[in-house]
PDB file of N, CA and C in Angstrom:
ATOM      1  N   MET A   1     -93.878  -7.261  68.597  1.00  0.00           N
ATOM      2  CA  MET A   1     -92.455  -6.422  68.689  1.00  0.00           C
ATOM      3  C   MET A   1     -92.896  -4.956  69.139  1.00  0.00           C
ATOM      4  N   GLY A   2     -92.090  -4.316  69.980  1.00  0.00           N
ATOM      5  CA  GLY A   2     -92.318  -3.098  70.236  1.00  0.00           C
ATOM      6  C   GLY A   2     -91.623  -2.117  69.280  1.00  0.00           C
ATOM      7  N   GLU A   3     -91.624  -0.816  69.619  1.00  0.00           N
ATOM      8  CA  GLU A   3     -90.871   0.308  68.969  1.00  0.00           C
ATOM      9  C   GLU A   3     -89.460  -0.050  69.045  1.00  0.00           C
ATOM     10  N   ILE A   4     -88.553   0.257  68.167  1.00  0.00           N
ATOM     11  CA  ILE A   4     -87.093   0.136  68.473  1.00  0.00           C
ATOM     12  C   ILE A   4     -86.458   1.179  68.692  1.00  0.00           C
ATOM     13  N   PRO A   5     -85.653   1.429  70.078  1.00  0.00           N
ATOM     14  CA  PRO A   5     -84.972   2.478  70.467  1.00  0.00           C
ATOM     15  C   PRO A   5     -84.024   2.987  69.434  1.00  0.00           C
ATOM     16  N   ARG A   6     -84.100   4.476  69.476  1.00  0.00           N
ATOM     17  CA  ARG A   6     -83.196   5.244  68.467  1.00  0.00           C
ATOM     18  C   ARG A   6     -81.819   4.699  68.388  1.00  0.00           C
ATOM     19  N   HIS A   7     -81.036   4.058  69.326  1.00  0.00           N
ATOM     20  CA  HIS A   7     -79.632   3.981  69.372  1.00  0.00           C
ATOM     21  C   HIS A   7     -79.653   2.300  68.793  1.00  0.00           C
ATOM     22  N   GLU A   8     -80.819   1.721  68.426  1.00  0.00           N
ATOM     23  CA  GLU A   8     -80.499   0.501  67.782  1.00  0.00           C
ATOM     24  C   GLU A   8     -81.069   0.618  66.370  1.00  0.00           C
ATOM     25  N   ILE A   9     -81.416   1.726  66.024  1.00  0.00           N
ATOM     26  CA  ILE A   9     -81.661   2.006  64.398  1.00  0.00           C
ATOM     27  C   ILE A   9     -80.311   1.533  63.613  1.00  0.00           C
ATOM     28  N   SER A  10     -80.597   0.760  62.545  1.00  0.00           N
ATOM     29  CA  SER A  10     -79.407   0.409  61.868  1.00  0.00           C
ATOM     30  C   SER A  10     -78.619   1.711  61.277  1.00  0.00           C
ATOM     31  N   MET A  11     -77.263   1.561  61.061  1.00  0.00           N
ATOM     32  CA  MET A  11     -76.543   2.537  60.690  1.00  0.00           C
ATOM     33  C   MET A  11     -76.786   2.902  59.303  1.00  0.00           C
ATOM     34  N   SER A  12     -77.292   2.008  58.551  1.00  0.00           N
ATOM     35  CA  SER A  12     -77.633   2.367  57.166  1.00  0.00           C
ATOM     36  C   SER A  12     -78.964   3.292  56.947  1.00  0.00           C
ATOM     37  N   ASP A  13     -79.907   3.154  58.064  1.00  0.00           N
ATOM     38  CA  ASP A  13     -80.925   4.090  58.111  1.00  0.00           C
ATOM     39  C   ASP A  13     -80.361   5.343  58.532  1.00  0.00           C
ATOM     40  N   GLN A  14     -79.566   5.559  59.542  1.00  0.00           N
ATOM     41  CA  GLN A  14     -78.800   6.844  59.812  1.00  0.00           C
ATOM     42  C   GLN A  14     -78.338   7.480  58.667  1.00  0.00           C
ATOM     43  N   ALA A  15     -77.328   6.475  58.078  1.00  0.00           N
ATOM     44  CA  ALA A  15     -76.661   7.287  56.835  1.00  0.00           C
ATOM     45  C   ALA A  15     -77.540   7.533  55.763  1.00  0.00           C
ATOM     46  N   ARG A  16     -78.763   6.817  55.629  1.00  0.00           N
ATOM     47  CA  ARG A  16     -79.453   7.085  54.278  1.00  0.00           C
ATOM     48  C   ARG A  16     -80.358   8.490  54.908  1.00  0.00           C
ATOM     49  N   ASN A  17     -80.546   8.575  56.099  1.00  0.00           N
ATOM     50  CA  ASN A  17     -81.205  10.096  56.499  1.00  0.00           C
ATOM     51  C   ASN A  17     -80.238  11.193  56.317  1.00  0.00           C
ATOM     52  N   TYR A  18     -78.891  10.726  56.548  1.00  0.00           N
ATOM     53  CA  TYR A  18     -78.070  11.857  56.328  1.00  0.00           C
ATOM     54  C   TYR A  18     -77.825  12.238  54.796  1.00  0.00           C
ATOM     55  N   VAL A  19     -77.851  11.395  54.170  1.00  0.00           N
ATOM     56  CA  VAL A  19     -77.902  11.527  52.645  1.00  0.00           C
ATOM     57  C   VAL A  19     -79.016  12.463  52.142  1.00  0.00           C
ATOM     58  N   LYS A  20     -80.156  11.866  52.814  1.00  0.00           N
ATOM     59  CA  LYS A  20     -81.407  12.624  52.289  1.00  0.00           C
ATOM     60  C   LYS A  20     -81.393  14.164  52.459  1.00  0.00           C
ATOM     61  N   ASN A  21     -80.790  14.360  53.865  1.00  0.00           N
ATOM     62  CA  ASN A  21     -80.828  15.804  54.017  1.00  0.00           C
ATOM     63  C   ASN A  21     -79.604  16.584  53.477  1.00  0.00           C
ATOM     64  N   LEU A  22     -78.748  16.124  52.510  1.00  0.00           N
ATOM     65  CA  LEU A  22     -77.686  16.849  51.972  1.00  0.00           C
ATOM     66  C   LEU A  22     -78.216  17.718  51.156  1.00  0.00           C
ATOM     67  N   ASP A  23     -77.442  18.913  51.073  1.00  0.00           N
ATOM     68  CA  ASP A  23     -77.996  20.071  50.085  1.00  0.00           C
ATOM     69  C   ASP A  23     -78.064  19.687  48.619  1.00  0.00           C
ATOM     70  N   ASN A  24     -79.299  19.664  48.074  1.00  0.00           N
ATOM     71  CA  ASN A  24     -79.397  19.370  46.951  1.00  0.00           C
ATOM     72  C   ASN A  24     -78.713  20.364  45.923  1.00  0.00           C
ATOM     73  N   CYS A  25     -78.410  21.620  46.376  1.00  0.00           N
ATOM     74  CA  CYS A  25     -77.600  22.457  45.341  1.00  0.00           C
ATOM     75  C   CYS A  25     -76.400  22.074  45.065  1.00  0.00           C
ATOM     76  N   ARG A  26     -75.966  21.177  46.105  1.00  0.00           N
ATOM     77  CA  ARG A  26     -74.409  21.095  46.044  1.00  0.00           C
ATOM     78  C   ARG A  26     -74.217  19.490  45.262  1.00  0.00           C
ATOM     79  N   LEU A  27     -75.278  18.808  45.255  1.00  0.00           N
ATOM     80  CA  LEU A  27     -75.104  17.305  44.610  1.00  0.00           C
ATOM     81  C   LEU A  27     -75.756  17.266  43.121  1.00  0.00           C
ATOM     82  N   ARG A  28     -75.323  16.618  42.354  1.00  0.00           N
ATOM     83  CA  ARG A  28     -76.051  16.035  41.058  1.00  0.00           C
ATOM     84  C   ARG A  28     -76.832  14.622  41.425  1.00  0.00           C
ATOM     85  N   PRO A  29     -77.933  14.725  40.977  1.00  0.00           N
ATOM     86  CA  PRO A  29     -78.824  13.501  41.358  1.00  0.00           C
ATOM     87  C   PRO A  29     -78.080  12.366  41.341  1.00  0.00           C
ATOM     88  N   SER A  30     -77.196  11.976  40.466  1.00  0.00           N
ATOM     89  CA  SER A  30     -76.320  10.808  40.148  1.00  0.00           C
ATOM     90  C   SER A  30     -75.432  10.649  41.386  1.00  0.00           C
ATOM     91  N   GLU A  31     -74.966  11.757  41.936  1.00  0.00           N
ATOM     92  CA  GLU A  31     -73.902  11.706  43.134  1.00  0.00           C
ATOM     93  C   GLU A  31     -74.864  11.301  44.298  1.00  0.00           C
ATOM     94  N   LYS A  32     -76.155  11.829  44.459  1.00  0.00           N
ATOM     95  CA  LYS A  32     -76.932  11.801  45.695  1.00  0.00           C
ATOM     96  C   LYS A  32     -77.470  10.332  45.606  1.00  0.00           C
ATOM     97  N   SER A  33     -77.876   9.739  44.363  1.00  0.00           N
ATOM     98  CA  SER A  33     -78.304   8.351  44.353  1.00  0.00           C
ATOM     99  C   SER A  33     -77.228   7.595  44.697  1.00  0.00           C
ATOM    100  N   PHE A  34     -75.932   7.441  44.364  1.00  0.00           N
ATOM    101  CA  PHE A  34     -74.851   6.589  44.533  1.00  0.00           C
ATOM    102  C   PHE A  34     -74.607   6.752  45.996  1.00  0.00           C
ATOM    103  N   LEU A  35     -74.806   7.834  46.701  1.00  0.00           N
ATOM    104  CA  LEU A  35     -74.581   7.901  48.025  1.00  0.00           C
ATOM    105  C   LEU A  35     -75.774   7.289  48.775  1.00  0.00           C
ATOM    106  N   PHE A  36     -77.020   7.082  48.357  1.00  0.00           N
ATOM    107  CA  PHE A  36     -77.847   6.299  48.982  1.00  0.00           C
ATOM    108  C   PHE A  36     -77.470   4.899  48.936  1.00  0.00           C
ATOM    109  N   PHE A  37     -77.016   4.446  47.522  1.00  0.00           N
ATOM    110  CA  PHE A  37     -76.721   2.890  47.513  1.00  0.00           C
ATOM    111  C   PHE A  37     -75.481   2.454  48.512  1.00  0.00           C
ATOM    112  N   LEU A  38     -74.372   3.641  48.794  1.00  0.00           N
ATOM    113  CA  LEU A  38     -73.451   3.338  49.358  1.00  0.00           C
ATOM    114  C   LEU A  38     -73.823   3.354  50.990  1.00  0.00           C
ATOM    115  N   ALA A  39     -75.049   4.287  51.294  1.00  0.00           N
ATOM    116  CA  ALA A  39     -75.576   4.286  52.947  1.00  0.00           C
ATOM    117  C   ALA A  39     -76.056   2.918  53.214  1.00  0.00           C
ATOM    118  N   ASP A  40     -76.619   2.219  52.171  1.00  0.00           N
ATOM    119  CA  ASP A  40     -77.272   0.821  52.428  1.00  0.00           C
ATOM    120  C   ASP A  40     -76.078  -0.251  53.017  1.00  0.00           C
ATOM    121  N   TYR A  41     -74.789   0.117  52.612  1.00  0.00           N
ATOM    122  CA  TYR A  41     -73.753  -0.745  53.191  1.00  0.00           C
ATOM    123  C   TYR A  41     -73.279  -0.367  54.565  1.00  0.00           C
ATOM    124  N   HIS A  42     -73.673   0.635  55.090  1.00  0.00           N
ATOM    125  CA  HIS A  42     -73.025   1.005  56.131  1.00  0.00           C
ATOM    126  C   HIS A  42     -73.211  -0.016  57.480  1.00  0.00           C
ATOM    127  N   ASN A  43     -72.116  -0.201  58.180  1.00  0.00           N
ATOM    128  CA  ASN A  43     -72.213  -1.386  59.204  1.00  0.00           C
ATOM    129  C   ASN A  43     -72.548  -0.674  60.320  1.00  0.00           C
ATOM    130  N   VAL A  44     -73.397  -1.255  61.117  1.00  0.00           N
ATOM    131  CA  VAL A  44     -73.797  -0.689  62.459  1.00  0.00           C
ATOM    132  C   VAL A  44     -72.784  -0.412  63.427  1.00  0.00           C
ATOM    133  N   HIS A  45     -72.069  -1.326  63.566  1.00  0.00           N
ATOM    134  CA  HIS A  45     -70.833  -1.522  64.644  1.00  0.00           C
ATOM    135  C   HIS A  45     -69.628  -0.614  64.319  1.00  0.00           C
ATOM    136  N   HIS A  46     -69.181  -0.861  62.950  1.00  0.00           N
ATOM    137  CA  HIS A  46     -67.962  -0.010  62.573  1.00  0.00           C
ATOM    138  C   HIS A  46     -68.025   1.258  61.880  1.00  0.00           C
ATOM    139  N   SER A  47     -69.352   1.682  61.550  1.00  0.00           N
ATOM    140  CA  SER A  47     -69.515   2.905  60.797  1.00  0.00           C
ATOM    141  C   SER A  47     -68.631   3.348  59.453  1.00  0.00           C
ATOM    142  N   ILE A  48     -68.520   2.193  58.850  1.00  0.00           N
ATOM    143  CA  ILE A  48     -67.949   1.980  57.553  1.00  0.00           C
ATOM    144  C   ILE A  48     -68.618   1.242  56.658  1.00  0.00           C
ATOM    145  N   ALA A  49     -68.695   1.440  55.278  1.00  0.00           N
ATOM    146  CA  ALA A  49     -68.850   0.325  54.160  1.00  0.00           C
ATOM    147  C   ALA A  49     -67.818   0.051  53.546  1.00  0.00           C
ATOM    148  N   TRP A  50     -68.156  -1.258  52.982  1.00  0.00           N
ATOM    149  CA  TRP A  50     -66.913  -1.918  52.466  1.00  0.00           C
ATOM    150  C   TRP A  50     -67.595  -2.629  51.076  1.00  0.00           C
ATOM    151  N   PRO A  51     -68.608  -1.995  50.401  1.00  0.00           N
ATOM    152  CA  PRO A  51     -69.287  -2.929  48.971  1.00  0.00           C
ATOM    153  C   PRO A  51     -67.938  -2.743  47.895  1.00  0.00           C
ATOM    154  N   SER A  52     -67.722  -3.871  47.373  1.00  0.00           N
ATOM    155  CA  SER A  52     -66.782  -3.392  46.050  1.00  0.00           C
ATOM    156  C   SER A  52     -67.342  -2.685  45.137  1.00  0.00           C
ATOM    157  N   LEU A  53     -66.432  -2.178  44.122  1.00  0.00           N
ATOM    158  CA  LEU A  53     -66.774  -1.463  43.039  1.00  0.00           C
ATOM    159  C   LEU A  53     -67.718  -2.395  42.116  1.00  0.00           C
ATOM    160  N   GLN A  54     -67.654  -3.668  41.992  1.00  0.00           N
ATOM    161  CA  GLN A  54     -68.437  -4.457  41.115  1.00  0.00           C
ATOM    162  C   GLN A  54     -69.926  -4.791  41.793  1.00  0.00           C
ATOM    163  N   THR A  55     -69.686  -4.817  43.198  1.00  0.00           N
ATOM    164  CA  THR A  55     -71.287  -4.806  43.812  1.00  0.00           C
ATOM    165  C   THR A  55     -71.898  -3.429  43.722  1.00  0.00           C
ATOM    166  N   LEU A  56     -71.288  -2.290  43.673  1.00  0.00           N
ATOM    167  CA  LEU A  56     -72.028  -1.169  43.535  1.00  0.00           C
ATOM    168  C   LEU A  56     -72.319  -0.982  41.918  1.00  0.00           C
ATOM    169  N   VAL A  57     -71.541  -1.679  41.034  1.00  0.00           N
ATOM    170  CA  VAL A  57     -72.063  -1.831  39.425  1.00  0.00           C
ATOM    171  C   VAL A  57     -73.444  -2.405  39.418  1.00  0.00           C
ATOM    172  N   GLU A  58     -73.371  -3.548  40.266  1.00  0.00           N
ATOM    173  CA  GLU A  58     -74.482  -4.557  39.819  1.00  0.00           C
ATOM    174  C   GLU A  58     -75.646  -3.983  40.544  1.00  0.00           C
ATOM    175  N   ASP A  59     -75.466  -3.295  41.616  1.00  0.00           N
ATOM    176  CA  ASP A  59     -76.626  -2.782  42.367  1.00  0.00           C
ATOM    177  C   ASP A  59     -77.244  -1.384  42.029  1.00  0.00           C
ATOM    178  N   THR A  60     -76.385  -0.742  41.285  1.00  0.00           N
ATOM    179  CA  THR A  60     -76.698   0.459  40.363  1.00  0.00           C
ATOM    180  C   THR A  60     -77.136   0.317  39.050  1.00  0.00           C
ATOM    181  N   GLY A  61     -76.671  -0.631  38.530  1.00  0.00           N
ATOM    182  CA  GLY A  61     -77.020  -0.794  36.833  1.00  0.00           C
ATOM    183  C   GLY A  61     -75.926   0.194  36.190  1.00  0.00           C
ATOM    184  N   LEU A  62     -75.107   0.894  36.927  1.00  0.00           N
ATOM    185  CA  LEU A  62     -74.083   1.894  36.112  1.00  0.00           C
ATOM    186  C   LEU A  62     -72.723   1.311  35.744  1.00  0.00           C
ATOM    187  N   SER A  63     -71.988   1.903  34.870  1.00  0.00           N
ATOM    188  CA  SER A  63     -70.730   1.255  34.603  1.00  0.00           C
ATOM    189  C   SER A  63     -69.658   1.365  35.526  1.00  0.00           C
ATOM    190  N   LEU A  64     -68.681   0.530  35.753  1.00  0.00           N
ATOM    191  CA  LEU A  64     -67.564   0.638  36.735  1.00  0.00           C
ATOM    192  C   LEU A  64     -66.902   1.732  36.283  1.00  0.00           C
ATOM    193  N   ARG A  65     -66.645   2.333  35.345  1.00  0.00           N
ATOM    194  CA  ARG A  65     -66.216   3.725  34.865  1.00  0.00           C
ATOM    195  C   ARG A  65     -66.827   4.793  35.581  1.00  0.00           C
ATOM    196  N   TYR A  66     -68.233   4.603  35.238  1.00  0.00           N
ATOM    197  CA  TYR A  66     -69.030   5.839  36.161  1.00  0.00           C
ATOM    198  C   TYR A  66     -69.132   5.634  37.497  1.00  0.00           C
ATOM    199  N   ILE A  67     -69.097   4.584  37.935  1.00  0.00           N
ATOM    200  CA  ILE A  67     -69.000   4.214  39.444  1.00  0.00           C
ATOM    201  C   ILE A  67     -67.763   5.177  40.030  1.00  0.00           C
ATOM    202  N   ARG A  68     -66.634   4.585  39.529  1.00  0.00           N
ATOM    203  CA  ARG A  68     -65.193   5.178  39.882  1.00  0.00           C
ATOM    204  C   ARG A  68     -65.350   6.612  39.680  1.00  0.00           C
ATOM    205  N   ARG A  69     -65.937   7.272  38.716  1.00  0.00           N
ATOM    206  CA  ARG A  69     -66.116   8.820  38.250  1.00  0.00           C
ATOM    207  C   ARG A  69     -67.001   9.479  39.880  1.00  0.00           C
ATOM    208  N   LEU A  70     -68.091   8.768  40.238  1.00  0.00           N
ATOM    209  CA  LEU A  70     -69.033   9.038  41.183  1.00  0.00           C
ATOM    210  C   LEU A  70     -68.241   9.105  42.712  1.00  0.00           C
ATOM    211  N   VAL A  71     -67.235   7.998  42.805  1.00  0.00           N
ATOM    212  CA  VAL A  71     -66.433   7.995  43.897  1.00  0.00           C
ATOM    213  C   VAL A  71     -65.602   9.111  44.061  1.00  0.00           C
ATOM    214  N   ALA A  72     -65.026   9.315  42.762  1.00  0.00           N
ATOM    215  CA  ALA A  72     -64.038  10.432  42.814  1.00  0.00           C
ATOM    216  C   ALA A  72     -64.687  12.014  43.248  1.00  0.00           C
ATOM    217  N   GLN A  73     -65.740  12.083  42.500  1.00  0.00           N
ATOM    218  CA  GLN A  73     -66.698  13.363  42.781  1.00  0.00           C
ATOM    219  C   GLN A  73     -66.940  13.494  44.113  1.00  0.00           C
ATOM    220  N   CYS A  74     -67.435  12.511  44.659  1.00  0.00           N
ATOM    221  CA  CYS A  74     -67.849  12.459  46.126  1.00  0.00           C
ATOM    222  C   CYS A  74     -66.781  12.709  47.010  1.00  0.00           C
ATOM    223  N   VAL A  75     -65.560  12.059  46.855  1.00  0.00           N
ATOM    224  CA  VAL A  75     -64.495  12.361  47.406  1.00  0.00           C
ATOM    225  C   VAL A  75     -63.960  13.885  47.414  1.00  0.00           C
ATOM    226  N   GLU A  76     -63.987  14.479  46.216  1.00  0.00           N
ATOM    227  CA  GLU A  76     -63.688  15.653  45.938  1.00  0.00           C
ATOM    228  C   GLU A  76     -64.663  16.818  46.638  1.00  0.00           C
ATOM    229  N   LEU A  77     -65.838  16.327  46.843  1.00  0.00           N
ATOM    230  CA  LEU A  77     -67.025  16.976  47.397  1.00  0.00           C
ATOM    231  C   LEU A  77     -66.823  17.120  49.001  1.00  0.00           C
ATOM    232  N   ARG A  78     -65.940  16.182  49.457  1.00  0.00           N
ATOM    233  CA  ARG A  78     -65.575  15.928  50.764  1.00  0.00           C
ATOM    234  C   ARG A  78     -67.085  15.306  51.443  1.00  0.00           C
ATOM    235  N   LEU A  79     -67.635  14.484  50.622  1.00  0.00           N
ATOM    236  CA  LEU A  79     -68.717  13.731  51.303  1.00  0.00           C
ATOM    237  C   LEU A  79     -68.623  12.474  51.895  1.00  0.00           C
ATOM    238  N   ILE A  80     -67.555  11.856  51.182  1.00  0.00           N
ATOM    239  CA  ILE A  80     -66.973  10.434  51.734  1.00  0.00           C
ATOM    240  C   ILE A  80     -65.492  10.494  51.613  1.00  0.00           C
ATOM    241  N   SER A  81     -65.002   9.696  51.981  1.00  0.00           N
ATOM    242  CA  SER A  81     -63.559   9.179  52.180  1.00  0.00           C
ATOM    243  C   SER A  81     -63.370   7.798  51.691  1.00  0.00           C
ATOM    244  N   TYR A  82     -62.284   7.381  51.065  1.00  0.00           N
ATOM    245  CA  TYR A  82     -62.299   6.147  50.097  1.00  0.00           C
ATOM    246  C   TYR A  82     -60.822   5.626  50.193  1.00  0.00           C
ATOM    247  N   SER A  83     -60.691   4.643  50.590  1.00  0.00           N
ATOM    248  CA  SER A  83     -59.454   3.826  50.328  1.00  0.00           C
ATOM    249  C   SER A  83     -59.600   2.776  49.353  1.00  0.00           C
ATOM    250  N   SER A  84     -58.817   2.725  48.146  1.00  0.00           N
ATOM    251  CA  SER A  84     -58.805   1.831  47.314  1.00  0.00           C
ATOM    252  C   SER A  84     -58.306   0.584  47.743  1.00  0.00           C
ATOM    253  N   LYS A  85     -57.195   0.910  48.437  1.00  0.00           N
ATOM    254  CA  LYS A  85     -56.456  -0.399  49.138  1.00  0.00           C
ATOM    255  C   LYS A  85     -57.269  -1.170  49.803  1.00  0.00           C
ATOM    256  N   THR A  86     -58.052  -0.805  50.802  1.00  0.00           N
ATOM    257  CA  THR A  86     -58.877  -1.446  51.658  1.00  0.00           C
ATOM    258  C   THR A  86     -60.588  -1.524  51.122  1.00  0.00           C
ATOM    259  N   ASN A  87     -60.770  -0.717  50.169  1.00  0.00           N
ATOM    260  CA  ASN A  87     -62.127  -0.747  49.841  1.00  0.00           C
ATOM    261  C   ASN A  87     -63.113  -0.057  50.643  1.00  0.00           C
ATOM    262  N   ILE A  88     -62.593   0.730  51.653  1.00  0.00           N
ATOM    263  CA  ILE A  88     -63.519   0.911  52.796  1.00  0.00           C
ATOM    264  C   ILE A  88     -63.890   2.405  52.459  1.00  0.00           C
ATOM    265  N   TYR A  89     -65.302   2.795  52.757  1.00  0.00           N
ATOM    266  CA  TYR A  89     -65.859   3.994  52.596  1.00  0.00           C
ATOM    267  C   TYR A  89     -66.171   4.680  53.932  1.00  0.00           C
ATOM    268  N   PHE A  90     -65.949   5.858  54.027  1.00  0.00           N
ATOM    269  CA  PHE A  90     -66.504   6.492  55.245  1.00  0.00           C
ATOM    270  C   PHE A  90     -67.420   7.825  54.936  1.00  0.00           C
ATOM    271  N   MET A  91     -68.563   8.012  55.431  1.00  0.00           N
ATOM    272  CA  MET A  91     -69.169   9.277  55.029  1.00  0.00           C
ATOM    273  C   MET A  91     -68.653  10.412  55.820  1.00  0.00           C
ATOM    274  N   ALA A  92     -68.059  11.467  55.147  1.00  0.00           N
ATOM    275  CA  ALA A  92     -67.514  12.505  55.544  1.00  0.00           C
ATOM    276  C   ALA A  92     -67.895  12.928  57.055  1.00  0.00           C
ATOM    277  N   SER A  93     -69.050  13.183  57.059  1.00  0.00           N
ATOM    278  CA  SER A  93     -69.851  13.779  58.268  1.00  0.00           C
ATOM    279  C   SER A  93     -70.706  12.515  58.674  1.00  0.00           C
ATOM    280  N   ARG A  94     -70.626  12.215  59.944  1.00  0.00           N
ATOM    281  CA  ARG A  94     -71.445  11.227  60.556  1.00  0.00           C
ATOM    282  C   ARG A  94     -72.326  11.427  61.852  1.00  0.00           C
ATOM    283  N   PRO A  95     -73.030  12.744  61.425  1.00  0.00           N
ATOM    284  CA  PRO A  95     -73.679  13.337  62.727  1.00  0.00           C
ATOM    285  C   PRO A  95     -74.623  12.453  63.691  1.00  0.00           C
ATOM    286  N   TRP A  96     -74.553  11.137  63.330  1.00  0.00           N
ATOM    287  CA  TRP A  96     -75.082  10.255  64.214  1.00  0.00           C
ATOM    288  C   TRP A  96     -74.324   9.498  65.193  1.00  0.00           C
ATOM    289  N   GLU A  97     -72.917   9.879  64.964  1.00  0.00           N
ATOM    290  CA  GLU A  97     -72.006   9.501  66.063  1.00  0.00           C
ATOM    291  C   GLU A  97     -71.934  10.273  67.100  1.00  0.00           C
ATOM    292  N   PRO A  98     -71.729  10.063  68.332  1.00  0.00           N
ATOM    293  CA  PRO A  98     -71.406  10.878  69.540  1.00  0.00           C
ATOM    294  C   PRO A  98     -70.287  11.673  69.353  1.00  0.00           C
ATOM    295  N   LYS A  99     -70.084  12.589  69.811  1.00  0.00           N
ATOM    296  CA  LYS A  99     -69.037  13.685  69.489  1.00  0.00           C
ATOM    297  C   LYS A  99     -68.058  13.575  70.841  1.00  0.00           C
TER     298      LYS A  99
END
């Protein structure tokens, strides 16, 4: 296999790179860790993530209450938007998408 062209890098890789470069002064370690878990679920074709809260609980080892708090904090910081009706997450800024 040869090198993978940049446009074929999975969205989760690009989303993880975005999270990695977020300003640490703005985030608590728990928020940044949560965003890394969420980035793993970003879909290449739709640029969204939709893990259930229970999936995030299982993946992170955190309580459901704490996951809900992290979602709310990241929404408040405008790092993500979240719809509880559809359970869809968007990274607030997606620098990998063409403008």
